[in-house]
N, C-alpha and C. Protein backbone atom coordinates (compact mmCIF):
# COMPACT_ATOMS: atom_id res chain seq x y z
N UNK A 1 -0.54 10.14 4.47
CA UNK A 1 -0.85 8.92 3.75
C UNK A 1 -0.91 9.20 2.25
N UNK A 2 -1.57 10.27 1.88
CA UNK A 2 -1.75 10.56 0.46
C UNK A 2 -0.46 11.05 -0.20
N UNK A 3 0.46 11.62 0.57
CA UNK A 3 1.75 12.03 0.01
C UNK A 3 2.58 10.81 -0.35
N UNK A 4 2.49 9.76 0.44
CA UNK A 4 3.26 8.55 0.20
C UNK A 4 2.62 7.68 -0.87
N UNK A 5 1.31 7.55 -0.82
CA UNK A 5 0.57 6.71 -1.76
C UNK A 5 -0.35 7.59 -2.58
N UNK A 6 0.08 7.94 -3.78
CA UNK A 6 -0.68 8.85 -4.63
C UNK A 6 -2.06 8.34 -5.02
N UNK A 7 -2.24 7.02 -5.04
CA UNK A 7 -3.53 6.44 -5.43
C UNK A 7 -4.38 6.09 -4.22
N UNK A 8 -4.20 6.81 -3.12
CA UNK A 8 -4.94 6.55 -1.90
C UNK A 8 -5.94 7.66 -1.63
N UNK A 9 -7.13 7.26 -1.18
CA UNK A 9 -8.16 8.22 -0.77
C UNK A 9 -8.62 7.86 0.63
N UNK A 10 -8.56 8.83 1.53
CA UNK A 10 -9.01 8.59 2.90
C UNK A 10 -10.53 8.60 2.95
N UNK A 11 -11.11 7.64 3.65
CA UNK A 11 -12.55 7.63 3.85
C UNK A 11 -12.90 8.63 4.94
N UNK A 12 -14.06 9.23 4.84
CA UNK A 12 -14.48 10.27 5.79
C UNK A 12 -15.11 9.72 7.05
N UNK A 13 -15.93 10.52 7.68
CA UNK A 13 -16.67 10.16 8.90
C UNK A 13 -15.75 9.77 10.06
N UNK A 14 -14.55 10.34 10.15
CA UNK A 14 -13.63 10.02 11.24
C UNK A 14 -13.10 8.61 11.17
N UNK A 15 -13.19 7.99 10.02
CA UNK A 15 -12.75 6.61 9.83
C UNK A 15 -11.23 6.53 9.78
N UNK A 16 -10.70 5.39 10.14
CA UNK A 16 -9.26 5.14 9.98
C UNK A 16 -9.05 4.21 8.79
N UNK A 17 -9.81 4.45 7.72
CA UNK A 17 -9.74 3.61 6.53
C UNK A 17 -9.30 4.41 5.32
N UNK A 18 -8.65 3.70 4.41
CA UNK A 18 -8.14 4.31 3.19
C UNK A 18 -8.47 3.36 2.03
N UNK A 19 -8.74 3.95 0.86
CA UNK A 19 -9.04 3.18 -0.34
C UNK A 19 -7.91 3.39 -1.33
N UNK A 20 -7.37 2.29 -1.85
CA UNK A 20 -6.30 2.35 -2.84
C UNK A 20 -6.84 1.94 -4.21
N UNK A 21 -6.46 2.70 -5.25
CA UNK A 21 -6.74 2.32 -6.64
C UNK A 21 -5.57 1.44 -7.09
N UNK A 22 -5.89 0.25 -7.57
CA UNK A 22 -4.86 -0.71 -7.95
C UNK A 22 -5.07 -1.15 -9.39
N UNK A 23 -3.99 -1.40 -10.09
CA UNK A 23 -4.08 -1.94 -11.45
C UNK A 23 -4.75 -1.00 -12.42
N UNK A 24 -4.31 0.24 -12.43
CA UNK A 24 -4.90 1.21 -13.36
C UNK A 24 -6.35 1.51 -13.04
N UNK A 25 -6.70 1.49 -11.76
CA UNK A 25 -8.05 1.78 -11.27
C UNK A 25 -9.05 0.68 -11.62
N UNK A 26 -8.56 -0.52 -11.96
CA UNK A 26 -9.45 -1.65 -12.21
C UNK A 26 -9.85 -2.35 -10.92
N UNK A 27 -9.03 -2.22 -9.88
CA UNK A 27 -9.30 -2.86 -8.60
C UNK A 27 -9.22 -1.83 -7.49
N UNK A 28 -9.89 -2.13 -6.38
CA UNK A 28 -9.85 -1.26 -5.21
C UNK A 28 -9.53 -2.10 -3.98
N UNK A 29 -8.81 -1.51 -3.05
CA UNK A 29 -8.52 -2.16 -1.78
C UNK A 29 -8.88 -1.21 -0.65
N UNK A 30 -9.65 -1.69 0.30
CA UNK A 30 -9.96 -0.92 1.50
C UNK A 30 -9.06 -1.46 2.61
N UNK A 31 -8.35 -0.57 3.27
CA UNK A 31 -7.47 -0.96 4.36
C UNK A 31 -7.69 -0.03 5.55
N UNK A 32 -7.51 -0.57 6.73
CA UNK A 32 -7.50 0.28 7.92
C UNK A 32 -6.03 0.55 8.24
N UNK A 33 -5.77 1.63 8.93
CA UNK A 33 -4.39 1.99 9.23
C UNK A 33 -4.25 2.41 10.68
N UNK A 34 -3.05 2.22 11.19
CA UNK A 34 -2.69 2.64 12.54
C UNK A 34 -1.27 3.17 12.48
N UNK A 35 -1.03 4.29 13.08
CA UNK A 35 0.29 4.90 13.09
C UNK A 35 1.08 4.41 14.29
N UNK A 36 2.31 3.95 14.04
CA UNK A 36 3.24 3.60 15.10
C UNK A 36 4.16 4.77 15.34
N UNK A 37 5.26 4.54 16.04
CA UNK A 37 6.20 5.63 16.30
C UNK A 37 6.88 6.11 15.02
N UNK A 38 7.29 5.18 14.15
CA UNK A 38 7.98 5.56 12.92
C UNK A 38 7.46 4.79 11.72
N UNK A 39 6.26 4.28 11.82
CA UNK A 39 5.74 3.47 10.73
C UNK A 39 4.22 3.51 10.70
N UNK A 40 3.68 3.07 9.59
CA UNK A 40 2.24 2.96 9.44
C UNK A 40 1.91 1.49 9.21
N UNK A 41 0.94 0.98 9.93
CA UNK A 41 0.49 -0.39 9.77
C UNK A 41 -0.80 -0.36 8.95
N UNK A 42 -0.83 -1.14 7.87
CA UNK A 42 -2.02 -1.25 7.02
C UNK A 42 -2.59 -2.65 7.17
N UNK A 43 -3.90 -2.73 7.34
CA UNK A 43 -4.60 -3.99 7.48
C UNK A 43 -5.65 -4.07 6.37
N UNK A 44 -5.52 -5.03 5.48
CA UNK A 44 -6.45 -5.17 4.36
C UNK A 44 -7.79 -5.64 4.89
N UNK A 45 -8.84 -4.89 4.58
CA UNK A 45 -10.20 -5.23 5.00
C UNK A 45 -11.02 -5.80 3.84
N UNK A 46 -10.69 -5.37 2.62
CA UNK A 46 -11.47 -5.79 1.45
C UNK A 46 -10.65 -5.54 0.20
N UNK A 47 -10.80 -6.43 -0.80
CA UNK A 47 -10.14 -6.29 -2.08
C UNK A 47 -11.09 -6.78 -3.16
N UNK A 48 -11.30 -5.97 -4.19
CA UNK A 48 -12.21 -6.36 -5.25
C UNK A 48 -12.09 -5.46 -6.47
N UNK A 49 -12.94 -5.72 -7.45
CA UNK A 49 -12.94 -4.92 -8.66
C UNK A 49 -13.57 -3.55 -8.39
N UNK A 50 -13.36 -2.65 -9.31
CA UNK A 50 -13.95 -1.32 -9.19
C UNK A 50 -15.47 -1.41 -9.18
N UNK A 51 -16.04 -2.30 -10.00
CA UNK A 51 -17.49 -2.47 -10.05
C UNK A 51 -18.02 -3.00 -8.71
N UNK A 52 -17.29 -3.95 -8.10
CA UNK A 52 -17.70 -4.46 -6.79
C UNK A 52 -17.63 -3.37 -5.73
N UNK A 53 -16.61 -2.52 -5.82
CA UNK A 53 -16.47 -1.41 -4.88
C UNK A 53 -17.64 -0.44 -5.00
N UNK A 54 -18.09 -0.18 -6.22
CA UNK A 54 -19.25 0.69 -6.40
C UNK A 54 -20.47 0.14 -5.69
N UNK A 55 -20.65 -1.19 -5.71
CA UNK A 55 -21.77 -1.81 -5.00
C UNK A 55 -21.62 -1.66 -3.49
N UNK A 56 -20.39 -1.80 -2.99
CA UNK A 56 -20.11 -1.62 -1.56
C UNK A 56 -20.46 -0.20 -1.14
N UNK A 57 -20.09 0.78 -1.97
CA UNK A 57 -20.38 2.18 -1.66
C UNK A 57 -21.88 2.46 -1.70
N UNK A 58 -22.58 1.85 -2.65
CA UNK A 58 -24.02 2.06 -2.77
C UNK A 58 -24.75 1.58 -1.51
N UNK A 59 -24.20 0.55 -0.87
CA UNK A 59 -24.80 0.01 0.35
C UNK A 59 -24.20 0.64 1.61
N UNK A 60 -23.27 1.59 1.44
CA UNK A 60 -22.59 2.29 2.54
C UNK A 60 -21.87 1.30 3.47
N UNK A 61 -21.25 0.27 2.88
CA UNK A 61 -20.56 -0.75 3.66
C UNK A 61 -19.06 -0.51 3.79
N UNK A 62 -18.52 0.48 3.12
CA UNK A 62 -17.07 0.66 3.12
C UNK A 62 -16.49 0.93 4.50
N UNK A 63 -17.33 1.29 5.45
CA UNK A 63 -16.86 1.56 6.82
C UNK A 63 -16.95 0.34 7.71
N UNK A 64 -17.65 -0.71 7.26
CA UNK A 64 -17.87 -1.87 8.12
C UNK A 64 -17.28 -3.17 7.59
N UNK A 65 -16.85 -3.20 6.33
CA UNK A 65 -16.32 -4.44 5.75
C UNK A 65 -15.06 -4.87 6.48
N UNK A 66 -14.95 -6.17 6.71
CA UNK A 66 -13.78 -6.74 7.35
C UNK A 66 -13.68 -8.20 6.94
N UNK A 67 -13.46 -8.46 5.65
CA UNK A 67 -13.52 -9.82 5.13
C UNK A 67 -12.19 -10.57 5.23
N UNK A 68 -11.08 -9.87 5.38
CA UNK A 68 -9.77 -10.54 5.39
C UNK A 68 -9.14 -10.45 6.75
């Protein structure tokens, strides 16, 4: 995942979630992923500003958000 998307960070704790830095790190997107036979499926769970993402992390919600 990180080789293909340089601005991607995998979330820990055995999660199937990844965080993307968007717009020069002004925005963040949390997505869940599933691997197919020859493709990766990304499902957007949350999209917001970097400041909003910091609040999500402070509340440890990045593993449970599913707003979209």
